[in-house]
Amino acid sequence: MPYTAPHLRIGDESTYARVLDWRLKGSNEEIGAALGARGANALQAVPLAASDPGRIREQQRFFRRHFRPFYDRMEGIADAHGLLMEECSHDLATLWFDIQWPGCSAASVPRNRMANGRGHVLRNMDLGVDLSGKTDHPPSSRIFMMELAPSEGLASLSAVVFDLMSAMDGINEKGLVVVCNSHGDYRLNTGYACEPVTHPEPGLNELQIVRYLLDMCSDTDDAREAFLSLRTYYCFTPCIYMVADARGRAVVVEKSRSGNRINFTEADGEPLIMTNFGRARFSRGADMPEDDGPKQGFVYTRYRLIEQGIDAQEMHDMESLDAIARRASFDHLSEAHHSDDSPLDRTIYRTIYDVDARAVQVSCYLGEGEDGPMHSDPLMLSLGESDADQ
């Protein structure tokens, strides 16, 4: 199986974050075995022992029935660690590493607003940084741009942090882009109900949803069907999702405050924006409250900044999208509110997906300089790129 070792593409041991390009091709069992072996050796990411074999048994049954490529990767994980699936002794569906939940921004910009005539999706992945030097690998400091090209299932290129088996955002061979953001309504006194579980369940957790959509769905219709028909649950925190497809459609997907309803906010040929609040509560940006701040994660301010940036000119290119994302990043917004007893928030990585080209531009946070946060030059990666192209 080619490309079994990640290639360091941005940063090094001296930078806060680094980007590794990892291409995996073969059967899903082979891909799972590679993830299991590399995760254990390089990341200390191993299957966690399960306290409830009955839940694990039902979890495996769910994946076997609804997400067979993922189930086959779980078998590869089991083989890599000398475990038996039927014993249901470990959670083989996750390989956690460098965990912390973020607050992010995303926007879908359709092809009729792009100078090159191709649809794009931008996203900032923001969270608090640990500059103490006491942690070898702070949260999200190791960012894997992972291409999976399984012999059965859709190929995809995704940004992988927190869990090697899942993804935070990505694009697949059909041009479907998926972005996951944390859902901050439970911090905004909106009556949002949130009860994350502390153990694996049958169904899809926050990041497994992204992996399912990339592996199994071709367009937003497929994604809608998945959200309406499959059980999902929160393992750590509520999340909301943006899904955009090659037909120029985009949708933000969220659960209602009670968790009993799936809400869709759609755009067909128009820009669509998502930060960390429930879009279904507002019909347009002007209806949103003016008051937010660092404790609320600037959820409305970031939305408005992106909206203003998109509206400021009729046509955009990659440079203008990057400028919009930088203006709405935590790098700038948190600086004025930072104090010695509060965490320093930064944009850890930025991705801009070119839907029609099946490509992504990625950059990451390198650390603090004399003039503030330092970020890498952008790197362009394409789905299906060979080792000789790197």
Protein backbone atom coordinates (compact mmCIF):
# COMPACT_ATOMS: atom_id res chain seq x y z
CA MET A 1 0.00 0.00 0.00
CA PRO A 2 1.67 3.31 -1.08
CA TYR A 3 2.01 6.45 1.05
CA THR A 4 1.85 4.69 4.40
CA ALA A 5 4.00 7.37 6.10
CA PRO A 6 2.89 11.00 6.49
CA HIS A 7 4.96 13.66 4.67
CA LEU A 8 5.76 16.79 6.69
CA ARG A 9 4.70 19.69 4.48
CA ILE A 10 4.47 22.72 6.82
CA GLY A 11 6.37 23.49 10.04
CA ASP A 12 8.70 21.37 12.12
CA GLU A 13 9.44 20.55 15.76
CA SER A 14 10.17 24.23 16.48
CA THR A 15 6.75 25.51 15.30
CA TYR A 16 3.52 25.39 17.29
CA ALA A 17 1.61 23.50 14.60
CA ARG A 18 2.62 21.48 11.56
CA VAL A 19 0.81 20.00 8.57
CA LEU A 20 1.44 16.43 7.45
CA ASP A 21 0.24 15.08 4.12
CA TRP A 22 -0.83 11.44 4.48
CA ARG A 23 -2.07 9.41 1.48
CA LEU A 24 -3.60 5.98 2.13
CA LYS A 25 -4.72 3.69 -0.66
CA GLY A 26 -5.93 0.08 -0.55
CA SER A 27 -8.71 -1.93 1.00
CA ASN A 28 -10.51 -0.41 3.97
CA GLU A 29 -8.99 -3.12 6.19
CA GLU A 30 -5.51 -2.09 5.02
CA ILE A 31 -6.28 1.58 5.61
CA GLY A 32 -7.54 0.78 9.13
CA ALA A 33 -4.42 -1.24 9.88
CA ALA A 34 -2.19 1.64 8.73
CA LEU A 35 -4.12 4.12 10.89
CA GLY A 36 -3.94 1.79 13.88
CA ALA A 37 -0.22 1.12 13.59
CA ARG A 38 0.83 4.69 12.88
CA GLY A 39 -1.55 6.07 15.50
CA ALA A 40 -0.03 3.90 18.21
CA ASN A 41 3.60 4.46 17.23
CA ALA A 42 3.59 8.19 16.47
CA LEU A 43 0.60 9.65 18.32
CA GLN A 44 -0.10 7.28 21.23
CA ALA A 45 -3.59 7.04 19.72
CA VAL A 46 -4.90 3.59 20.64
CA PRO A 47 -8.32 1.94 21.00
CA LEU A 48 -9.74 2.66 24.44
CA ALA A 49 -10.96 -0.15 26.67
CA ALA A 50 -14.75 -0.32 26.83
CA SER A 51 -16.71 -0.65 30.05
CA ASP A 52 -19.92 -1.79 28.34
CA PRO A 53 -19.43 -4.60 25.79
CA GLY A 54 -23.13 -4.49 24.96
CA ARG A 55 -22.89 -0.94 23.65
CA ILE A 56 -19.77 -1.83 21.67
CA ARG A 57 -21.60 -4.79 20.13
CA GLU A 58 -24.45 -2.52 19.04
CA GLN A 59 -21.98 0.09 17.83
CA GLN A 60 -20.29 -2.50 15.62
CA ARG A 61 -23.67 -3.69 14.35
CA PHE A 62 -24.59 -0.09 13.42
CA PHE A 63 -21.41 0.43 11.42
CA ARG A 64 -21.67 -2.97 9.73
CA ARG A 65 -25.22 -2.17 8.62
CA HIS A 66 -24.95 1.54 7.76
CA PHE A 67 -21.26 2.35 7.19
CA ARG A 68 -19.51 -0.77 5.96
CA PRO A 69 -16.25 0.92 4.80
CA PHE A 70 -15.78 2.27 8.32
CA TYR A 71 -16.57 -1.11 9.87
CA ASP A 72 -13.91 -2.70 7.66
CA ARG A 73 -11.39 -0.11 8.88
CA MET A 74 -12.31 -1.03 12.44
CA GLU A 75 -11.35 -4.62 11.59
CA GLY A 76 -7.98 -3.30 10.41
CA ILE A 77 -7.58 -1.43 13.71
CA ALA A 78 -8.34 -4.63 15.61
CA ASP A 79 -5.75 -6.58 13.60
CA ALA A 80 -3.10 -3.89 14.16
CA HIS A 81 -3.62 -4.12 17.93
CA GLY A 82 -4.14 -7.87 18.28
CA LEU A 83 -7.78 -7.45 19.31
CA LEU A 84 -10.83 -9.49 18.37
CA MET A 85 -13.92 -7.65 17.16
CA GLU A 86 -16.28 -10.23 18.66
CA GLU A 87 -14.91 -9.71 22.17
CA CYS A 88 -16.22 -6.10 22.13
CA SER A 89 -13.52 -5.15 24.65
CA HIS A 90 -12.39 -1.88 23.03
CA ASP A 91 -13.80 1.06 21.09
CA LEU A 92 -12.31 0.44 17.63
CA ALA A 93 -14.14 3.39 16.03
CA THR A 94 -11.95 6.18 17.45
CA LEU A 95 -8.24 6.93 17.77
CA TRP A 96 -8.13 10.11 19.87
CA PHE A 97 -5.10 12.46 20.01
CA ASP A 98 -4.37 16.11 20.92
CA ILE A 99 -7.99 16.86 21.89
CA GLN A 100 -9.66 20.23 22.53
CA TRP A 101 -12.92 21.51 21.09
CA PRO A 102 -12.74 24.67 18.96
CA GLY A 103 -14.83 27.62 17.84
CA CYS A 104 -14.70 28.06 14.07
CA SER A 105 -15.99 29.99 11.07
CA ALA A 106 -16.97 28.76 7.61
CA ALA A 107 -18.54 30.10 4.42
CA SER A 108 -19.61 28.66 1.09
CA VAL A 109 -19.07 31.01 -1.86
CA PRO A 110 -20.78 29.79 -5.06
CA ARG A 111 -19.17 29.77 -8.48
CA ASN A 112 -21.17 32.81 -9.66
CA ARG A 113 -19.26 34.90 -7.08
CA MET A 114 -15.82 33.52 -7.96
CA ALA A 115 -13.59 34.96 -10.71
CA ASN A 116 -12.47 31.49 -11.76
CA GLY A 117 -16.05 30.21 -11.99
CA ARG A 118 -15.49 27.50 -9.36
CA GLY A 119 -17.28 27.18 -6.01
CA HIS A 120 -15.21 27.53 -2.83
CA VAL A 121 -15.64 26.87 0.90
CA LEU A 122 -13.45 28.59 3.49
CA ARG A 123 -12.97 27.70 7.14
CA ASN A 124 -11.00 28.91 10.17
CA MET A 125 -10.29 26.35 12.88
CA ASP A 126 -9.88 28.41 16.06
CA LEU A 127 -9.09 27.41 19.63
CA GLY A 128 -7.02 28.34 22.67
CA VAL A 129 -3.29 27.73 22.40
CA ASP A 130 -0.86 26.49 25.02
CA LEU A 131 2.42 28.39 24.75
CA SER A 132 3.77 27.21 28.11
CA GLY A 133 6.04 24.62 26.51
CA LYS A 134 4.90 22.05 29.08
CA THR A 135 2.98 20.02 26.49
CA ASP A 136 4.86 18.30 23.69
CA HIS A 137 1.85 18.29 21.40
CA PRO A 138 -0.83 20.87 22.26
CA PRO A 139 -4.35 20.39 20.85
CA SER A 140 -4.49 20.43 17.03
CA SER A 141 -0.75 21.06 16.73
CA ARG A 142 -0.46 17.99 14.46
CA ILE A 143 -2.75 18.49 11.48
CA PHE A 144 -3.07 15.63 9.03
CA MET A 145 -4.24 16.40 5.51
CA MET A 146 -5.35 12.84 4.88
CA GLU A 147 -6.30 11.36 1.55
CA LEU A 148 -8.18 8.08 1.72
CA ALA A 149 -8.51 6.22 -1.58
CA PRO A 150 -10.23 2.95 -0.61
CA SER A 151 -10.85 0.17 -3.10
CA GLU A 152 -14.52 0.35 -2.00
CA GLY A 153 -16.08 3.75 -1.32
CA LEU A 154 -15.47 7.37 -2.23
CA ALA A 155 -12.00 8.93 -2.12
CA SER A 156 -11.57 12.04 0.02
CA LEU A 157 -9.03 14.62 1.17
CA SER A 158 -9.66 15.91 4.69
CA ALA A 159 -8.18 17.83 7.61
CA VAL A 160 -7.84 15.36 10.49
CA VAL A 161 -7.35 16.46 14.09
CA PHE A 162 -8.51 14.91 17.39
CA ASP A 163 -9.43 11.49 15.90
CA LEU A 164 -7.52 9.62 13.16
CA MET A 165 -10.62 7.67 12.18
CA SER A 166 -12.72 10.77 11.50
CA ALA A 167 -12.27 14.28 10.05
CA MET A 168 -12.88 17.93 10.92
CA ASP A 169 -13.46 19.10 7.34
CA GLY A 170 -12.80 17.76 3.87
CA ILE A 171 -13.77 17.21 0.23
CA ASN A 172 -14.54 13.99 -1.62
CA GLU A 173 -14.22 12.89 -5.24
CA LYS A 174 -17.81 13.98 -6.00
CA GLY A 175 -17.03 17.56 -4.91
CA LEU A 176 -18.88 17.34 -1.60
CA VAL A 177 -17.33 19.58 1.08
CA VAL A 178 -18.14 19.07 4.77
CA VAL A 179 -17.16 21.37 7.66
CA CYS A 180 -17.78 20.69 11.37
CA ASN A 181 -18.02 23.56 13.89
CA SER A 182 -18.80 23.39 17.59
CA HIS A 183 -22.34 24.51 18.44
CA GLY A 184 -22.11 27.31 21.01
CA ASP A 185 -25.82 27.95 21.62
CA TYR A 186 -25.64 26.15 24.95
CA ARG A 187 -23.29 28.99 26.08
CA LEU A 188 -25.64 31.74 24.91
CA ASN A 189 -28.57 31.28 27.32
CA THR A 190 -30.82 30.04 24.52
CA GLY A 191 -32.25 27.05 26.35
CA TYR A 192 -30.19 24.68 24.23
CA ALA A 193 -30.12 21.19 25.73
CA CYS A 194 -26.78 19.41 25.76
CA GLU A 195 -25.90 16.11 27.38
CA PRO A 196 -22.76 14.59 25.83
CA VAL A 197 -22.09 10.95 26.64
CA THR A 198 -18.85 9.66 28.10
CA HIS A 199 -18.80 6.34 26.24
CA PRO A 200 -19.17 5.19 22.62
CA GLU A 201 -22.71 4.62 21.38
CA PRO A 202 -24.27 2.93 18.36
CA GLY A 203 -24.49 5.78 15.85
CA LEU A 204 -22.23 8.56 14.63
CA ASN A 205 -20.45 10.93 16.99
CA GLU A 206 -19.54 14.53 16.08
CA LEU A 207 -16.54 13.80 13.87
CA GLN A 208 -17.71 10.42 12.58
CA ILE A 209 -20.54 12.36 10.92
CA VAL A 210 -17.97 14.20 8.79
CA ARG A 211 -16.25 10.94 7.85
CA TYR A 212 -19.59 9.32 6.93
CA LEU A 213 -20.63 12.21 4.67
CA LEU A 214 -17.27 12.26 2.89
CA ASP A 215 -17.17 8.49 2.44
CA MET A 216 -20.81 7.83 1.55
CA CYS A 217 -22.49 10.96 0.12
CA SER A 218 -22.35 12.59 -3.33
CA ASP A 219 -24.38 15.76 -2.78
CA THR A 220 -26.45 17.73 -0.29
CA ASP A 221 -29.50 15.52 -0.94
CA ASP A 222 -27.52 12.49 0.25
CA ALA A 223 -26.34 14.48 3.27
CA ARG A 224 -29.88 15.52 4.22
CA GLU A 225 -31.02 11.92 4.01
CA ALA A 226 -28.15 10.82 6.24
CA PHE A 227 -28.92 13.37 8.94
CA LEU A 228 -32.62 12.49 8.91
CA SER A 229 -32.22 8.71 8.90
CA LEU A 230 -29.11 7.90 10.96
CA ARG A 231 -28.67 8.15 14.71
CA THR A 232 -26.15 10.79 15.79
CA TYR A 233 -24.97 11.72 19.25
CA TYR A 234 -22.55 14.05 21.05
CA CYS A 235 -19.44 12.51 22.54
CA PHE A 236 -17.90 15.81 23.70
CA THR A 237 -19.87 18.84 22.51
CA PRO A 238 -22.77 19.74 20.21
CA CYS A 239 -21.72 20.52 16.65
CA ILE A 240 -23.19 22.10 13.52
CA TYR A 241 -22.25 21.30 9.95
CA MET A 242 -21.90 22.98 6.59
CA VAL A 243 -22.25 20.80 3.52
CA ALA A 244 -21.66 22.14 -0.01
CA ASP A 245 -21.75 20.22 -3.29
CA ALA A 246 -20.56 20.47 -6.88
CA ARG A 247 -24.02 21.61 -8.03
CA GLY A 248 -23.63 24.89 -6.17
CA ARG A 249 -25.90 24.03 -3.27
CA ALA A 250 -24.99 24.47 0.39
CA VAL A 251 -26.74 23.73 3.67
CA VAL A 252 -26.07 24.31 7.37
CA VAL A 253 -27.33 21.42 9.50
CA GLU A 254 -28.07 21.63 13.22
CA LYS A 255 -30.13 19.94 15.86
CA SER A 256 -32.89 21.92 17.53
CA ARG A 257 -32.54 23.11 21.13
CA SER A 258 -34.23 19.97 22.45
CA GLY A 259 -32.32 17.71 20.08
CA ASN A 260 -35.61 16.36 18.70
CA ARG A 261 -35.45 18.01 15.28
CA ILE A 262 -32.89 18.44 12.48
CA ASN A 263 -32.92 21.99 11.08
CA PHE A 264 -31.58 22.90 7.62
CA THR A 265 -30.59 26.40 6.48
CA GLU A 266 -30.06 26.20 2.74
CA ALA A 267 -28.49 28.26 -0.03
CA ASP A 268 -28.74 27.52 -3.74
CA GLY A 269 -26.36 29.71 -5.70
CA GLU A 270 -25.93 32.19 -2.82
CA PRO A 271 -23.23 32.51 -0.13
CA LEU A 272 -23.87 30.69 3.14
CA ILE A 273 -22.06 31.44 6.42
CA MET A 274 -21.65 29.44 9.63
CA THR A 275 -19.89 30.24 12.90
CA ASN A 276 -20.92 28.68 16.23
CA PHE A 277 -24.60 29.43 16.74
CA GLY A 278 -27.84 27.99 15.43
CA ARG A 279 -28.56 29.57 12.05
CA ALA A 280 -32.18 28.41 12.18
CA ARG A 281 -32.87 31.00 14.90
CA PHE A 282 -32.34 33.87 12.44
CA SER A 283 -33.52 34.53 8.91
CA ARG A 284 -30.61 36.86 8.09
CA GLY A 285 -27.50 38.41 9.64
CA ALA A 286 -29.26 41.67 10.48
CA ASP A 287 -31.57 39.82 12.90
CA MET A 288 -28.68 38.69 15.09
CA PRO A 289 -27.87 40.34 18.44
CA GLU A 290 -25.17 42.99 18.47
CA ASP A 291 -23.80 41.93 21.83
CA ASP A 292 -21.19 39.21 21.90
CA GLY A 293 -17.59 38.96 23.04
CA PRO A 294 -14.80 36.60 24.04
CA LYS A 295 -16.96 34.54 26.43
CA GLN A 296 -19.45 33.97 23.61
CA GLY A 297 -16.67 33.40 21.07
CA PHE A 298 -17.58 36.46 18.94
CA VAL A 299 -20.14 34.23 17.25
CA TYR A 300 -22.17 37.06 15.70
CA THR A 301 -19.22 39.37 15.08
CA ARG A 302 -17.41 36.72 13.06
CA TYR A 303 -20.56 36.05 11.04
CA ARG A 304 -20.96 39.73 10.21
CA LEU A 305 -17.31 40.17 9.31
CA ILE A 306 -17.51 37.32 6.81
CA GLU A 307 -20.81 38.59 5.45
CA GLN A 308 -19.39 42.10 5.02
CA GLY A 309 -16.28 40.73 3.34
CA ILE A 310 -18.26 38.71 0.82
CA ASP A 311 -20.65 41.59 0.12
CA ALA A 312 -17.80 44.10 -0.28
CA GLN A 313 -17.10 42.98 -3.84
CA GLU A 314 -19.03 41.15 -6.51
CA MET A 315 -16.35 38.64 -7.52
CA HIS A 316 -13.75 36.90 -5.39
CA ASP A 317 -10.56 34.91 -5.76
CA MET A 318 -8.48 32.79 -3.40
CA GLU A 319 -6.64 35.84 -2.07
CA SER A 320 -9.82 37.74 -1.21
CA LEU A 321 -11.32 34.67 0.52
CA ASP A 322 -8.12 34.30 2.54
CA ALA A 323 -8.33 37.98 3.53
CA ILE A 324 -11.97 37.56 4.62
CA ALA A 325 -11.06 34.55 6.73
CA ARG A 326 -8.12 36.38 8.33
CA ARG A 327 -10.29 39.38 9.22
CA ALA A 328 -12.80 37.11 10.97
CA SER A 329 -10.17 35.03 12.78
CA PHE A 330 -9.53 34.82 16.51
CA ASP A 331 -6.02 36.13 15.83
CA HIS A 332 -7.46 39.62 15.56
CA LEU A 333 -10.66 39.47 17.59
CA SER A 334 -9.23 37.98 20.77
CA GLU A 335 -6.14 40.19 20.92
CA ALA A 336 -7.95 43.23 22.32
CA HIS A 337 -9.68 41.13 25.00
CA HIS A 338 -6.76 38.96 26.05
CA SER A 339 -5.52 39.08 29.65
CA ASP A 340 -2.91 37.09 31.53
CA ASP A 341 -5.57 34.91 33.15
CA SER A 342 -7.44 34.06 29.93
CA PRO A 343 -6.41 31.65 27.18
CA LEU A 344 -4.89 33.03 24.01
CA ASP A 345 -7.12 32.12 21.07
CA ARG A 346 -5.68 31.64 17.60
CA THR A 347 -6.64 30.28 14.20
CA ILE A 348 -4.74 26.98 14.28
CA TYR A 349 -5.34 26.19 10.64
CA ARG A 350 -7.24 27.61 7.68
CA THR A 351 -8.56 25.61 4.74
CA ILE A 352 -10.09 26.94 1.53
CA TYR A 353 -11.66 24.25 -0.65
CA ASP A 354 -11.89 24.58 -4.43
CA VAL A 355 -14.96 22.44 -5.06
CA ASP A 356 -14.63 21.96 -8.80
CA ALA A 357 -10.87 21.35 -8.70
CA ARG A 358 -11.22 18.87 -5.78
CA ALA A 359 -8.39 20.75 -4.08
CA VAL A 360 -7.67 22.57 -0.83
CA GLN A 361 -5.37 25.39 0.25
CA VAL A 362 -4.15 24.98 3.83
CA SER A 363 -2.06 27.11 6.18
CA CYS A 364 -1.37 26.85 9.91
CA TYR A 365 -0.32 28.77 13.02
CA LEU A 366 3.45 28.66 13.61
CA GLY A 367 3.68 30.59 16.88
CA GLU A 368 4.03 34.12 18.21
CA GLY A 369 6.42 36.68 16.73
CA GLU A 370 7.29 40.26 17.57
CA ASP A 371 4.29 41.47 15.57
CA GLY A 372 1.85 38.85 16.82
CA PRO A 373 0.73 35.48 15.46
CA MET A 374 2.75 33.95 12.63
CA HIS A 375 1.14 31.76 9.98
CA SER A 376 2.64 29.63 7.25
CA ASP A 377 2.45 30.35 3.56
CA PRO A 378 -0.49 28.48 2.03
CA LEU A 379 0.00 25.01 0.60
CA MET A 380 -2.23 23.68 -2.19
CA LEU A 381 -3.12 19.99 -2.17
CA SER A 382 -5.28 18.08 -4.64
CA LEU A 383 -7.29 14.91 -4.35
CA GLY A 384 -5.51 12.20 -6.33
CA GLU A 385 -2.14 13.95 -6.18
CA SER A 386 0.69 11.44 -6.53
CA ASP A 387 3.87 11.24 -4.50
CA ALA A 388 5.79 12.54 -7.54
CA ASP A 389 3.63 15.69 -7.55
CA GLN A 390 4.57 16.64 -3.98
